[in-house]
């Protein structure tokens, strides 16, 4: 996982929508795919890009793969943006 992979993944509106879906909890690939008007292969590609960027992770349960948000990577991006903007995390 690299910072460039993370930023590339975040730049796509479909991937951002997938992240929005996952903020309410884990979902199966089928559930995620049912929310979009695109092929399962295309959704799978977007999921793989998010996974490669470290923004989501998967867990297997019986015959299903569940995708979940990896908030720690998003926190790192937010901290970097705050630092870039010059915001302070603590009050001095």
N, C-alpha and C. Protein backbone atom coordinates (compact mmCIF):
# COMPACT_ATOMS: atom_id res chain seq x y z
N UNK A 1 0.85 -1.18 0.00
CA UNK A 1 0.00 0.00 0.00
C UNK A 1 0.89 1.23 0.00
N UNK A 2 0.60 2.14 -0.88
CA UNK A 2 1.32 3.39 -0.93
C UNK A 2 0.35 4.55 -0.92
N UNK A 3 0.90 5.70 -0.58
CA UNK A 3 0.07 6.89 -0.52
C UNK A 3 -0.53 7.20 -1.88
N UNK A 4 0.22 6.98 -2.95
CA UNK A 4 -0.30 7.25 -4.29
C UNK A 4 -1.47 6.32 -4.62
N UNK A 5 -1.40 5.05 -4.17
CA UNK A 5 -2.52 4.12 -4.38
C UNK A 5 -3.76 4.61 -3.64
N UNK A 6 -3.54 5.12 -2.43
CA UNK A 6 -4.67 5.61 -1.63
C UNK A 6 -5.33 6.80 -2.30
N UNK A 7 -4.53 7.75 -2.75
CA UNK A 7 -5.09 8.93 -3.38
C UNK A 7 -5.77 8.58 -4.70
N UNK A 8 -5.20 7.66 -5.46
CA UNK A 8 -5.82 7.23 -6.71
C UNK A 8 -7.16 6.57 -6.44
N UNK A 9 -7.21 5.74 -5.41
CA UNK A 9 -8.47 5.07 -5.06
C UNK A 9 -9.53 6.08 -4.64
N UNK A 10 -9.12 7.08 -3.88
CA UNK A 10 -10.07 8.10 -3.40
C UNK A 10 -10.54 9.03 -4.51
N UNK A 11 -9.81 9.09 -5.60
CA UNK A 11 -10.18 10.02 -6.68
C UNK A 11 -11.36 9.54 -7.51
N UNK A 12 -11.73 8.27 -7.39
CA UNK A 12 -12.81 7.72 -8.19
C UNK A 12 -14.15 7.84 -7.45
N UNK A 13 -15.18 8.42 -8.08
CA UNK A 13 -16.47 8.60 -7.40
C UNK A 13 -17.16 7.29 -7.02
N UNK A 14 -17.00 6.24 -7.82
CA UNK A 14 -17.61 4.95 -7.47
C UNK A 14 -16.96 4.40 -6.20
N UNK A 15 -15.64 4.51 -6.12
CA UNK A 15 -14.94 4.01 -4.92
C UNK A 15 -15.31 4.81 -3.69
N UNK A 16 -15.48 6.11 -3.86
CA UNK A 16 -15.91 6.93 -2.71
C UNK A 16 -17.30 6.51 -2.26
N UNK A 17 -18.17 6.17 -3.20
CA UNK A 17 -19.52 5.72 -2.85
C UNK A 17 -19.46 4.37 -2.14
N UNK A 18 -18.58 3.50 -2.56
CA UNK A 18 -18.40 2.22 -1.87
C UNK A 18 -17.94 2.47 -0.43
N UNK A 19 -17.02 3.38 -0.24
CA UNK A 19 -16.56 3.72 1.11
C UNK A 19 -17.71 4.27 1.95
N UNK A 20 -18.56 5.08 1.34
CA UNK A 20 -19.74 5.60 2.05
C UNK A 20 -20.67 4.46 2.48
N UNK A 21 -20.84 3.48 1.62
CA UNK A 21 -21.67 2.32 1.99
C UNK A 21 -21.08 1.56 3.17
N UNK A 22 -19.77 1.45 3.18
CA UNK A 22 -19.11 0.65 4.21
C UNK A 22 -18.98 1.37 5.55
N UNK A 23 -19.22 2.67 5.57
CA UNK A 23 -19.09 3.37 6.85
C UNK A 23 -20.19 2.95 7.83
N UNK A 24 -21.27 2.38 7.33
CA UNK A 24 -22.33 1.90 8.21
C UNK A 24 -22.12 0.45 8.64
N UNK A 25 -21.08 -0.21 8.11
CA UNK A 25 -20.79 -1.58 8.51
C UNK A 25 -20.37 -2.45 7.34
N UNK A 26 -19.96 -3.65 7.66
CA UNK A 26 -19.50 -4.60 6.64
C UNK A 26 -20.62 -4.99 5.69
N UNK A 27 -20.24 -5.24 4.45
CA UNK A 27 -21.21 -5.66 3.44
C UNK A 27 -20.56 -6.71 2.55
N UNK A 28 -21.39 -7.56 1.99
CA UNK A 28 -20.89 -8.55 1.04
C UNK A 28 -20.66 -7.89 -0.32
N UNK A 29 -19.88 -8.57 -1.13
CA UNK A 29 -19.63 -8.06 -2.48
C UNK A 29 -20.93 -7.96 -3.26
N UNK A 30 -21.81 -8.94 -3.08
CA UNK A 30 -23.10 -8.92 -3.78
C UNK A 30 -23.96 -7.75 -3.36
N UNK A 31 -23.96 -7.44 -2.08
CA UNK A 31 -24.74 -6.30 -1.59
C UNK A 31 -24.19 -5.00 -2.16
N UNK A 32 -22.88 -4.88 -2.19
CA UNK A 32 -22.26 -3.67 -2.75
C UNK A 32 -22.59 -3.56 -4.24
N UNK A 33 -22.46 -4.66 -4.96
CA UNK A 33 -22.71 -4.65 -6.40
C UNK A 33 -24.16 -4.31 -6.72
N UNK A 34 -25.09 -4.71 -5.85
CA UNK A 34 -26.51 -4.44 -6.11
C UNK A 34 -26.83 -2.95 -6.05
N UNK A 35 -25.96 -2.16 -5.50
CA UNK A 35 -26.18 -0.71 -5.38
C UNK A 35 -25.75 0.07 -6.61
N UNK A 36 -25.11 -0.62 -7.56
CA UNK A 36 -24.56 0.06 -8.73
C UNK A 36 -25.09 -0.56 -10.01
N UNK A 37 -25.18 0.26 -11.03
CA UNK A 37 -25.60 -0.21 -12.35
C UNK A 37 -24.36 -0.48 -13.19
N UNK A 38 -23.65 -1.54 -12.80
CA UNK A 38 -22.45 -1.95 -13.51
C UNK A 38 -22.25 -3.44 -13.31
N UNK A 39 -21.38 -4.02 -14.09
CA UNK A 39 -21.16 -5.47 -14.00
C UNK A 39 -20.48 -5.82 -12.68
N UNK A 40 -20.65 -7.07 -12.29
CA UNK A 40 -19.98 -7.55 -11.09
C UNK A 40 -18.47 -7.47 -11.22
N UNK A 41 -17.96 -7.69 -12.43
CA UNK A 41 -16.52 -7.61 -12.65
C UNK A 41 -16.00 -6.19 -12.42
N UNK A 42 -16.79 -5.19 -12.81
CA UNK A 42 -16.38 -3.80 -12.61
C UNK A 42 -16.38 -3.47 -11.13
N UNK A 43 -17.39 -3.90 -10.40
CA UNK A 43 -17.43 -3.66 -8.95
C UNK A 43 -16.26 -4.38 -8.28
N UNK A 44 -15.97 -5.59 -8.73
CA UNK A 44 -14.85 -6.35 -8.19
C UNK A 44 -13.53 -5.61 -8.41
N UNK A 45 -13.39 -4.99 -9.57
CA UNK A 45 -12.19 -4.19 -9.85
C UNK A 45 -12.07 -3.04 -8.86
N UNK A 46 -13.17 -2.33 -8.63
CA UNK A 46 -13.14 -1.21 -7.69
C UNK A 46 -12.81 -1.69 -6.28
N UNK A 47 -13.38 -2.81 -5.88
CA UNK A 47 -13.08 -3.36 -4.56
C UNK A 47 -11.60 -3.74 -4.45
N UNK A 48 -11.04 -4.30 -5.50
CA UNK A 48 -9.62 -4.67 -5.47
C UNK A 48 -8.73 -3.44 -5.37
N UNK A 49 -9.12 -2.35 -6.03
CA UNK A 49 -8.34 -1.12 -5.95
C UNK A 49 -8.41 -0.52 -4.55
N UNK A 50 -9.58 -0.57 -3.93
CA UNK A 50 -9.72 -0.08 -2.56
C UNK A 50 -8.93 -0.95 -1.59
N UNK A 51 -8.95 -2.23 -1.82
CA UNK A 51 -8.19 -3.16 -0.98
C UNK A 51 -6.69 -2.93 -1.15
N UNK A 52 -6.25 -2.77 -2.38
CA UNK A 52 -4.84 -2.51 -2.66
C UNK A 52 -4.37 -1.24 -1.97
N UNK A 53 -5.24 -0.25 -1.91
CA UNK A 53 -4.90 1.02 -1.27
C UNK A 53 -4.99 0.94 0.25
N UNK A 54 -5.48 -0.17 0.77
CA UNK A 54 -5.58 -0.33 2.21
C UNK A 54 -6.80 0.34 2.81
N UNK A 55 -7.72 0.80 1.98
CA UNK A 55 -8.90 1.51 2.47
C UNK A 55 -9.99 0.57 2.96
N UNK A 56 -9.96 -0.67 2.49
CA UNK A 56 -10.91 -1.67 2.95
C UNK A 56 -10.16 -2.98 3.19
N UNK A 57 -10.78 -3.85 3.93
CA UNK A 57 -10.25 -5.20 4.08
C UNK A 57 -11.39 -6.17 3.95
N UNK A 58 -11.03 -7.42 3.69
CA UNK A 58 -12.06 -8.43 3.50
C UNK A 58 -11.92 -9.52 4.55
N UNK A 59 -13.05 -10.12 4.88
CA UNK A 59 -13.05 -11.28 5.77
C UNK A 59 -14.02 -12.30 5.17
N UNK A 60 -13.65 -13.54 5.28
CA UNK A 60 -14.47 -14.62 4.71
C UNK A 60 -15.26 -15.29 5.82
N UNK A 61 -16.54 -15.50 5.52
CA UNK A 61 -17.43 -16.17 6.46
C UNK A 61 -18.30 -17.12 5.65
N UNK A 62 -18.04 -18.41 5.80
CA UNK A 62 -18.71 -19.45 5.01
C UNK A 62 -18.53 -19.16 3.53
N UNK A 63 -19.59 -18.95 2.79
CA UNK A 63 -19.49 -18.73 1.34
C UNK A 63 -19.47 -17.25 0.95
N UNK A 64 -19.31 -16.37 1.92
CA UNK A 64 -19.40 -14.94 1.64
C UNK A 64 -18.09 -14.24 1.98
N UNK A 65 -17.81 -13.20 1.22
CA UNK A 65 -16.71 -12.30 1.52
C UNK A 65 -17.32 -10.98 1.96
N UNK A 66 -16.95 -10.55 3.15
CA UNK A 66 -17.43 -9.28 3.68
C UNK A 66 -16.33 -8.24 3.56
N UNK A 67 -16.72 -7.05 3.11
CA UNK A 67 -15.79 -5.94 3.00
C UNK A 67 -16.10 -4.93 4.10
N UNK A 68 -15.03 -4.41 4.70
CA UNK A 68 -15.16 -3.45 5.79
C UNK A 68 -14.21 -2.29 5.56
N UNK A 69 -14.59 -1.16 6.12
CA UNK A 69 -13.79 0.06 6.02
C UNK A 69 -12.57 -0.04 6.93
N UNK A 70 -11.42 0.37 6.44
CA UNK A 70 -10.21 0.45 7.24
C UNK A 70 -9.99 1.92 7.59
N UNK A 71 -10.54 2.33 8.70
CA UNK A 71 -10.53 3.75 9.08
C UNK A 71 -9.13 4.27 9.38
N UNK A 72 -8.20 3.40 9.74
CA UNK A 72 -6.86 3.89 10.10
C UNK A 72 -6.16 4.54 8.91
N UNK A 73 -6.37 4.02 7.71
CA UNK A 73 -5.75 4.63 6.53
C UNK A 73 -6.39 5.98 6.25
N UNK A 74 -7.70 6.07 6.41
CA UNK A 74 -8.38 7.36 6.22
C UNK A 74 -7.90 8.38 7.25
N UNK A 75 -7.67 7.93 8.47
CA UNK A 75 -7.15 8.84 9.50
C UNK A 75 -5.77 9.37 9.12
N UNK A 76 -4.92 8.51 8.56
CA UNK A 76 -3.60 8.95 8.12
C UNK A 76 -3.71 10.02 7.04
N UNK A 77 -4.62 9.83 6.10
CA UNK A 77 -4.82 10.81 5.03
C UNK A 77 -5.31 12.13 5.62
N UNK A 78 -6.26 12.05 6.54
CA UNK A 78 -6.78 13.27 7.18
C UNK A 78 -5.69 14.01 7.95
N UNK A 79 -4.86 13.28 8.67
CA UNK A 79 -3.76 13.92 9.40
C UNK A 79 -2.79 14.60 8.45
N UNK A 80 -2.50 13.93 7.33
CA UNK A 80 -1.60 14.53 6.35
C UNK A 80 -2.22 15.81 5.77
N UNK A 81 -3.52 15.76 5.45
CA UNK A 81 -4.18 16.95 4.90
C UNK A 81 -4.22 18.08 5.92
N UNK A 82 -4.47 17.76 7.18
CA UNK A 82 -4.46 18.79 8.23
C UNK A 82 -3.09 19.42 8.35
N UNK A 83 -2.05 18.58 8.31
CA UNK A 83 -0.69 19.09 8.39
C UNK A 83 -0.36 19.97 7.19
N UNK A 84 -0.80 19.54 6.01
CA UNK A 84 -0.57 20.31 4.80
C UNK A 84 -1.26 21.67 4.87
N UNK A 85 -2.45 21.65 5.43
CA UNK A 85 -3.24 22.88 5.56
C UNK A 85 -2.71 23.78 6.67
N UNK A 86 -1.93 23.18 7.57
CA UNK A 86 -1.35 23.97 8.65
C UNK A 86 -2.19 23.97 9.91
N UNK A 87 -3.15 23.05 10.01
CA UNK A 87 -3.96 22.97 11.21
C UNK A 87 -3.20 22.25 12.30
N UNK A 88 -3.42 22.66 13.53
CA UNK A 88 -2.76 22.05 14.68
C UNK A 88 -3.74 21.08 15.34
N UNK A 89 -3.22 19.92 15.77
CA UNK A 89 -4.04 18.94 16.46
C UNK A 89 -4.20 19.25 17.94
N UNK A 90 -3.22 19.95 18.51
CA UNK A 90 -3.32 20.29 19.93
C UNK A 90 -3.35 21.80 20.08
N UNK A 91 -3.86 22.22 21.22
CA UNK A 91 -3.99 23.66 21.46
C UNK A 91 -2.82 24.14 22.30
N UNK A 92 -2.02 25.04 21.76
CA UNK A 92 -0.85 25.59 22.48
C UNK A 92 -1.03 27.04 22.71
